[in-house]
Amino acid sequence: MPTTLRTEVRDHLGVLRDAWDPLVGTMPLPSAFLRGWWVDHASTGTPAVVCCFDGDVLVGGAAFELDRPGRGPLSVERVRMLGQGPLAPDHLDVVANPDRAAAVAAAVVGWLSRPGSRVVDLDGLAADGALAAALVAAGGPVIDRVGAPFASLPDTGEEYLASRPGKLRSTAKRTRKRLEGEGATVRTVGADDAARALDDLSRLHDGRWADGSEFLSAWTRFAAAAADGLAHGDVRISELVSAEGEVVATELDLLASGPGGTSLAFYQAGRRTEHEWRGAGTALKAAVVMDACDEGVSEYDLLRGDESYKSDWAEGRRELVRVRTGFGTLGRTVATAATAWKRRQDARAAAASSAESADQA
């Protein structure tokens, strides 16, 4: 689509944040990962925030990061979504009012396809978003798809819990009753306690998942983003605390409001693993979602991944896609080779899975 919008690339939002965040709030799916607290802190490469103006008025944009992997003659600029990688941001798209989204996406793709060679590798895109549609229309193939479960929340927490599977409902109720009997309480962290709460999240997440999670490899930039998000009311940390005041379970969620209401998205958690604290994570999550219902939150989003446990908490499902394409001769060559390699890896993994299933049959 032709566009008359002017683009300007910045390394952070700065004074534009006051105009950017309200635009996020007009989107049909206003992902928390598009808001200023994330954009200004979560990049691992060189930030490239493409801002689109109609005259002097900011009407949208997109947040990317740049790096240059590889060596020698095959080294080429790579463009990824800002924060892409271990932090796994989701529901990503151009930022714009719905009536300007197509024009903003066209301007952003125009910037991505400007003269020069580059690989554009964008993961976590909303499958029905304007950016994914514009890239696919420009010839960019979808190389991966993944689900993102969510639950539409009723008016009360009791209604929500009553709609959950019996085993989950029983575990949540019995565990909370037992822990409350031992003096444990649930609390929400204030912005003035962010540093301590984030330290506890890091410790408990590492204790629960250790090398099974890549999240902590990006901890420094995440902690900076989360502290900013807490200060602006976009991040919420809930904790289960023992009678002695020790945090035994923690959950960090992201808040985003739009035309359809407010969404609470489960992002990261951690908990003690000793037998005495069995079920603590489930009890805390149930308390978090039930309180959200009572506050009028309209949705609980489990973000990317079709892990089996999520079906206990959610019944809806959205789709996220990864689009990889190249511009310029070298960019197209590298992107094509990378996509072919991934397809071979996926085929090998599928064959190995089929063989394992056959052996177990």
Protein backbone atom coordinates (compact mmCIF):
# COMPACT_ATOMS: atom_id res chain seq x y z
CA MET A 1 0.00 0.00 0.00
CA PRO A 2 1.41 3.43 -0.91
CA THR A 3 1.91 5.70 2.07
CA THR A 4 2.66 9.35 2.59
CA LEU A 5 3.74 8.89 6.19
CA ARG A 6 7.16 10.12 7.19
CA THR A 7 9.38 7.69 9.12
CA GLU A 8 11.96 8.58 11.72
CA VAL A 9 14.14 5.99 13.49
CA ARG A 10 15.08 6.47 17.16
CA ASP A 11 17.00 4.41 19.69
CA HIS A 12 14.35 5.03 22.37
CA LEU A 13 10.95 6.65 22.60
CA GLY A 14 11.93 9.50 24.90
CA VAL A 15 9.39 12.33 24.74
CA LEU A 16 7.32 10.35 22.20
CA ARG A 17 6.33 7.86 24.90
CA ASP A 18 3.41 10.08 25.99
CA ALA A 19 1.97 9.79 22.47
CA TRP A 20 3.06 6.19 21.79
CA ASP A 21 1.41 4.46 24.78
CA PRO A 22 -2.07 5.91 24.13
CA LEU A 23 -1.82 4.58 20.55
CA VAL A 24 -1.12 1.10 21.95
CA GLY A 25 -4.30 1.48 24.00
CA THR A 26 -6.40 1.94 20.86
CA MET A 27 -5.34 -1.38 19.33
CA PRO A 28 -7.71 -4.38 19.26
CA LEU A 29 -5.04 -6.43 21.05
CA PRO A 30 -2.88 -3.93 22.98
CA SER A 31 0.09 -6.12 23.89
CA ALA A 32 2.03 -4.99 26.96
CA PHE A 33 5.20 -5.74 24.97
CA LEU A 34 4.46 -2.77 22.73
CA ARG A 35 4.37 -0.21 25.54
CA GLY A 36 7.10 2.22 26.41
CA TRP A 37 8.40 0.43 29.51
CA TRP A 38 9.34 -2.52 27.28
CA VAL A 39 10.50 -0.57 24.23
CA ASP A 40 12.90 1.61 26.22
CA HIS A 41 14.65 -1.22 28.10
CA ALA A 42 14.27 -4.71 26.60
CA SER A 43 16.54 -4.59 23.55
CA THR A 44 19.56 -6.87 23.34
CA GLY A 45 20.82 -5.39 20.05
CA THR A 46 20.77 -1.83 18.77
CA PRO A 47 17.24 -0.43 19.22
CA ALA A 48 15.51 0.86 16.11
CA VAL A 49 12.12 2.37 16.93
CA VAL A 50 10.50 3.28 13.63
CA CYS A 51 8.16 6.22 14.28
CA CYS A 52 5.59 7.18 11.66
CA PHE A 53 4.35 10.76 11.41
CA ASP A 54 1.53 12.42 9.52
CA GLY A 55 2.98 15.91 9.40
CA ASP A 56 4.24 16.44 12.94
CA VAL A 57 1.75 14.05 14.55
CA LEU A 58 2.89 10.58 15.64
CA VAL A 59 0.41 8.07 14.21
CA GLY A 60 2.26 4.84 14.95
CA GLY A 61 5.37 2.78 14.37
CA ALA A 62 7.15 -0.43 15.26
CA ALA A 63 9.97 -1.34 17.65
CA PHE A 64 12.88 -3.42 16.35
CA GLU A 65 16.44 -4.23 17.31
CA LEU A 66 19.41 -4.63 14.97
CA ASP A 67 22.50 -6.81 15.09
CA ARG A 68 24.93 -8.40 12.63
CA PRO A 69 25.45 -12.14 13.23
CA GLY A 70 27.95 -14.17 11.26
CA ARG A 71 31.43 -13.34 10.06
CA GLY A 72 33.13 -12.38 6.86
CA PRO A 73 31.27 -12.05 3.56
CA LEU A 74 28.08 -13.66 4.96
CA SER A 75 27.73 -11.16 7.81
CA VAL A 76 24.54 -9.21 7.22
CA GLU A 77 22.34 -6.89 9.23
CA ARG A 78 19.50 -8.66 11.02
CA VAL A 79 16.26 -7.00 12.12
CA ARG A 80 14.26 -8.60 14.93
CA MET A 81 11.37 -7.49 17.13
CA LEU A 82 12.63 -5.56 20.12
CA GLY A 83 13.35 -7.99 22.97
CA GLN A 84 13.09 -11.07 20.73
CA GLY A 85 14.92 -14.13 22.05
CA PRO A 86 14.91 -15.39 25.64
CA LEU A 87 12.40 -12.74 26.75
CA ALA A 88 9.91 -14.00 24.13
CA PRO A 89 7.57 -11.00 23.67
CA ASP A 90 4.17 -11.87 22.20
CA HIS A 91 1.23 -10.43 20.24
CA LEU A 92 3.54 -8.03 18.42
CA ASP A 93 2.45 -5.70 15.64
CA VAL A 94 2.78 -2.14 14.44
CA VAL A 95 1.50 0.41 16.92
CA ALA A 96 -1.36 2.43 15.43
CA ASN A 97 -5.03 3.28 15.61
CA PRO A 98 -6.96 0.55 13.76
CA ASP A 99 -7.86 2.94 10.93
CA ARG A 100 -4.18 3.79 10.36
CA ALA A 101 -2.67 0.33 10.93
CA ALA A 102 -2.40 -0.63 7.24
CA ALA A 103 -0.74 2.67 6.32
CA VAL A 104 1.68 2.42 9.26
CA ALA A 105 2.51 -1.20 8.33
CA ALA A 106 3.19 -0.11 4.74
CA ALA A 107 5.54 2.63 5.96
CA VAL A 108 7.33 0.19 8.28
CA VAL A 109 7.76 -2.41 5.52
CA GLY A 110 9.03 0.38 3.30
CA TRP A 111 11.72 1.07 5.89
CA LEU A 112 12.55 -2.63 6.23
CA SER A 113 12.92 -2.98 2.44
CA ARG A 114 14.99 0.18 1.90
CA PRO A 115 18.19 -0.17 -0.21
CA GLY A 116 20.84 -2.46 1.25
CA SER A 117 20.97 -6.09 2.38
CA ARG A 118 19.34 -7.34 5.56
CA VAL A 119 17.54 -10.32 7.04
CA VAL A 120 14.20 -9.54 8.66
CA ASP A 121 13.39 -12.24 11.25
CA LEU A 122 10.33 -11.29 13.29
CA ASP A 123 9.02 -13.69 15.92
CA GLY A 124 5.93 -13.38 18.14
CA LEU A 125 3.83 -11.49 15.60
CA ALA A 126 0.06 -11.50 15.99
CA ALA A 127 -1.03 -13.78 13.13
CA ASP A 128 -3.91 -11.47 12.19
CA GLY A 129 -1.94 -8.26 12.72
CA ALA A 130 -1.15 -5.60 10.14
CA LEU A 131 2.62 -6.15 10.23
CA ALA A 132 2.39 -9.90 9.62
CA ALA A 133 -0.06 -9.31 6.76
CA ALA A 134 2.13 -6.65 5.15
CA LEU A 135 5.27 -8.80 5.33
CA VAL A 136 3.52 -11.85 3.89
CA ALA A 137 2.12 -9.68 1.09
CA ALA A 138 5.69 -8.52 0.41
CA GLY A 139 6.79 -12.14 -0.02
CA GLY A 140 7.93 -12.99 3.51
CA PRO A 141 7.13 -16.63 4.36
CA VAL A 142 5.69 -17.70 7.72
CA ILE A 143 8.26 -20.15 9.08
CA ASP A 144 6.65 -21.00 12.42
CA ARG A 145 3.29 -20.86 14.22
CA VAL A 146 2.47 -21.25 17.88
CA GLY A 147 -0.63 -20.90 20.02
CA ALA A 148 -1.26 -18.41 22.81
CA PRO A 149 -4.04 -19.60 25.15
CA PHE A 150 -6.26 -17.16 27.03
CA ALA A 151 -9.37 -17.07 29.20
CA SER A 152 -12.21 -14.54 29.04
CA LEU A 153 -12.90 -13.71 32.67
CA PRO A 154 -16.33 -13.64 34.35
CA ASP A 155 -17.49 -11.02 36.84
CA THR A 156 -16.28 -12.82 39.96
CA GLY A 157 -13.36 -14.98 40.97
CA GLU A 158 -15.67 -17.66 42.33
CA GLU A 159 -17.32 -17.98 38.91
CA TYR A 160 -13.94 -18.39 37.27
CA LEU A 161 -12.71 -21.04 39.70
CA ALA A 162 -16.00 -22.93 39.44
CA SER A 163 -15.45 -23.18 35.65
CA ARG A 164 -12.01 -24.81 36.00
CA PRO A 165 -11.35 -28.57 35.86
CA GLY A 166 -12.13 -30.39 39.08
CA LYS A 167 -8.55 -31.37 39.87
CA LEU A 168 -7.29 -27.79 39.52
CA ARG A 169 -10.20 -26.42 41.51
CA SER A 170 -9.59 -28.91 44.32
CA THR A 171 -5.83 -28.32 44.41
CA ALA A 172 -6.22 -24.55 44.53
CA LYS A 173 -8.80 -24.60 47.29
CA ARG A 174 -7.13 -27.24 49.46
CA THR A 175 -3.67 -25.73 49.10
CA ARG A 176 -4.81 -22.21 49.89
CA LYS A 177 -6.72 -23.42 52.96
CA ARG A 178 -3.69 -25.36 54.19
CA LEU A 179 -1.25 -22.51 53.61
CA GLU A 180 -3.55 -19.92 55.16
CA GLY A 181 -3.85 -22.19 58.18
CA GLU A 182 -0.06 -22.04 58.47
CA GLY A 183 -0.12 -18.24 58.33
CA ALA A 184 0.76 -17.70 54.66
CA THR A 185 -0.69 -14.68 52.87
CA VAL A 186 -0.90 -13.30 49.33
CA ARG A 187 0.24 -9.74 48.63
CA THR A 188 0.76 -7.41 45.67
CA VAL A 189 4.12 -5.65 45.42
CA GLY A 190 4.32 -1.86 45.29
CA ALA A 191 6.67 0.02 42.98
CA ASP A 192 8.81 1.08 45.96
CA ASP A 193 9.59 -2.59 46.65
CA ALA A 194 10.50 -3.46 43.05
CA ALA A 195 14.20 -4.25 43.57
CA ARG A 196 13.55 -6.70 46.39
CA ALA A 197 10.62 -8.36 44.58
CA LEU A 198 12.63 -8.79 41.37
CA ASP A 199 15.53 -10.32 43.30
CA ASP A 200 13.10 -12.85 44.79
CA LEU A 201 11.66 -13.61 41.35
CA SER A 202 15.16 -14.26 39.99
CA ARG A 203 16.05 -16.52 42.93
CA LEU A 204 12.83 -18.53 42.92
CA HIS A 205 12.69 -18.84 39.13
CA ASP A 206 16.26 -20.16 39.10
CA GLY A 207 15.50 -22.55 41.96
CA ARG A 208 12.47 -23.97 40.16
CA TRP A 209 13.73 -24.20 36.55
CA ALA A 210 17.51 -23.62 36.67
CA ASP A 211 19.02 -24.55 33.28
CA GLY A 212 15.58 -25.44 31.88
CA SER A 213 14.80 -21.74 31.33
CA GLU A 214 16.72 -19.19 29.25
CA PHE A 215 14.88 -16.29 30.85
CA LEU A 216 17.58 -15.36 33.36
CA SER A 217 20.19 -14.98 30.60
CA ALA A 218 18.42 -11.69 29.77
CA TRP A 219 17.80 -10.73 33.39
CA THR A 220 19.55 -7.34 33.51
CA ARG A 221 17.50 -5.76 30.75
CA PHE A 222 14.31 -7.45 31.89
CA ALA A 223 14.74 -6.17 35.46
CA ALA A 224 15.19 -2.61 34.17
CA ALA A 225 12.05 -2.93 32.04
CA ALA A 226 10.00 -4.52 34.83
CA ALA A 227 10.95 -1.81 37.35
CA ASP A 228 9.79 0.82 34.84
CA GLY A 229 6.61 -1.15 34.19
CA LEU A 230 5.87 -1.42 37.91
CA ALA A 231 6.29 2.32 38.30
CA HIS A 232 3.79 2.93 35.47
CA GLY A 233 1.25 0.29 36.57
CA ASP A 234 1.89 -2.00 33.59
CA VAL A 235 3.58 -4.78 35.59
CA ARG A 236 2.17 -6.57 38.61
CA ILE A 237 4.06 -8.88 40.95
CA SER A 238 2.06 -11.07 43.34
CA GLU A 239 3.67 -13.08 46.12
CA LEU A 240 2.77 -15.87 48.49
CA VAL A 241 4.50 -15.11 51.78
CA SER A 242 5.06 -17.46 54.73
CA ALA A 243 4.15 -16.58 58.32
CA GLU A 244 7.84 -15.71 58.82
CA GLY A 245 7.74 -13.19 55.95
CA GLU A 246 9.63 -15.30 53.38
CA VAL A 247 8.49 -15.23 49.76
CA VAL A 248 7.79 -18.84 48.77
CA ALA A 249 6.04 -18.25 45.42
CA THR A 250 5.89 -15.29 43.05
CA GLU A 251 4.15 -14.46 39.78
CA LEU A 252 4.82 -11.53 37.45
CA ASP A 253 1.96 -10.48 35.19
CA LEU A 254 1.55 -7.74 32.58
CA LEU A 255 -1.40 -5.37 32.33
CA ALA A 256 -2.67 -3.79 29.13
CA SER A 257 -5.93 -1.95 28.50
CA GLY A 258 -7.70 -1.45 25.19
CA PRO A 259 -11.14 -1.12 23.61
CA GLY A 260 -12.13 -4.60 24.79
CA GLY A 261 -11.12 -4.06 28.42
CA THR A 262 -8.04 -4.87 30.49
CA SER A 263 -5.90 -7.97 29.97
CA LEU A 264 -3.69 -9.58 32.61
CA ALA A 265 -0.94 -11.70 30.99
CA PHE A 266 1.04 -14.32 32.89
CA TYR A 267 4.72 -13.79 32.12
CA GLN A 268 7.08 -15.38 34.67
CA ALA A 269 6.96 -17.13 38.03
CA GLY A 270 9.03 -18.98 40.59
CA ARG A 271 8.48 -20.94 43.78
CA ARG A 272 10.11 -22.98 46.49
CA THR A 273 10.26 -26.68 45.62
CA GLU A 274 10.24 -28.28 49.10
CA HIS A 275 7.38 -30.67 49.85
CA GLU A 276 5.89 -28.35 52.47
CA TRP A 277 5.26 -25.76 49.75
CA ARG A 278 3.64 -28.18 47.28
CA GLY A 279 0.85 -26.53 45.31
CA ALA A 280 2.02 -23.02 46.26
CA GLY A 281 2.32 -21.89 42.65
CA THR A 282 -1.18 -23.14 41.80
CA ALA A 283 -2.69 -21.48 44.86
CA LEU A 284 -1.00 -18.19 44.04
CA LYS A 285 -2.09 -18.25 40.40
CA ALA A 286 -5.67 -18.98 41.40
CA ALA A 287 -5.62 -16.04 43.81
CA VAL A 288 -4.16 -13.76 41.12
CA VAL A 289 -6.80 -14.64 38.53
CA MET A 290 -9.69 -14.58 41.00
CA ASP A 291 -8.65 -11.14 42.24
CA ALA A 292 -8.38 -9.96 38.62
CA CYS A 293 -11.98 -11.06 38.00
CA ASP A 294 -13.15 -9.14 41.04
CA GLU A 295 -11.26 -6.05 39.80
CA GLY A 296 -13.06 -6.15 36.45
CA VAL A 297 -10.15 -7.46 34.35
CA SER A 298 -11.64 -8.98 31.20
CA GLU A 299 -8.98 -11.51 30.15
CA TYR A 300 -6.20 -13.70 31.50
CA ASP A 301 -3.60 -14.34 28.79
CA LEU A 302 -1.19 -17.30 29.11
CA LEU A 303 0.99 -15.97 26.25
CA ARG A 304 2.88 -18.18 23.80
CA GLY A 305 3.10 -21.93 24.12
CA ASP A 306 0.61 -24.79 24.06
CA GLU A 307 1.87 -26.44 27.26
CA SER A 308 -0.73 -28.84 28.63
CA TYR A 309 -1.14 -27.08 31.98
CA LYS A 310 -2.45 -23.95 30.26
CA SER A 311 -5.63 -25.74 29.19
CA ASP A 312 -6.61 -25.88 32.86
CA TRP A 313 -6.59 -22.09 33.07
CA ALA A 314 -7.76 -21.05 29.60
CA GLU A 315 -10.15 -22.09 26.85
CA GLY A 316 -9.43 -19.62 24.03
CA ARG A 317 -6.42 -19.64 21.72
CA ARG A 318 -4.79 -17.08 19.44
CA GLU A 319 -2.03 -17.74 16.94
CA LEU A 320 1.41 -16.16 16.76
CA VAL A 321 3.71 -16.39 13.76
CA ARG A 322 7.35 -15.96 12.87
CA VAL A 323 8.13 -14.37 9.50
CA ARG A 324 11.63 -14.43 8.02
CA THR A 325 12.54 -12.75 4.75
CA GLY A 326 15.51 -11.01 3.17
CA PHE A 327 16.09 -7.80 1.27
CA GLY A 328 19.00 -7.19 -1.05
CA THR A 329 20.94 -10.02 -2.72
CA LEU A 330 22.86 -11.11 0.38
CA GLY A 331 19.85 -10.70 2.67
CA ARG A 332 17.69 -12.92 0.46
CA THR A 333 20.44 -15.54 0.19
CA VAL A 334 21.00 -15.73 3.96
CA ALA A 335 17.27 -15.73 4.77
CA THR A 336 16.59 -18.52 2.27
CA ALA A 337 19.44 -20.63 3.64
CA ALA A 338 18.34 -20.10 7.25
CA THR A 339 14.75 -21.03 6.44
CA ALA A 340 15.84 -24.19 4.58
CA TRP A 341 18.01 -25.19 7.55
CA LYS A 342 15.09 -24.71 9.95
CA ARG A 343 12.77 -26.80 7.81
CA ARG A 344 15.32 -29.62 7.77
CA GLN A 345 15.64 -29.42 11.54
CA ASP A 346 11.85 -29.45 11.97
CA ALA A 347 11.56 -32.47 9.67
CA ARG A 348 14.22 -34.36 11.64
CA ALA A 349 12.49 -33.52 14.92
CA ALA A 350 9.14 -34.68 13.55
CA ALA A 351 10.66 -37.93 12.30
CA ALA A 352 12.33 -38.57 15.65
CA SER A 353 9.04 -37.91 17.45
CA SER A 354 7.18 -40.32 15.13
CA ALA A 355 9.81 -42.99 15.67
CA GLU A 356 9.60 -42.59 19.44
CA SER A 357 5.80 -42.85 19.34
CA ALA A 358 6.07 -46.02 17.23
CA ASP A 359 8.49 -47.58 19.73
CA GLN A 360 6.07 -46.86 22.58
CA ALA A 361 3.05 -48.24 20.74
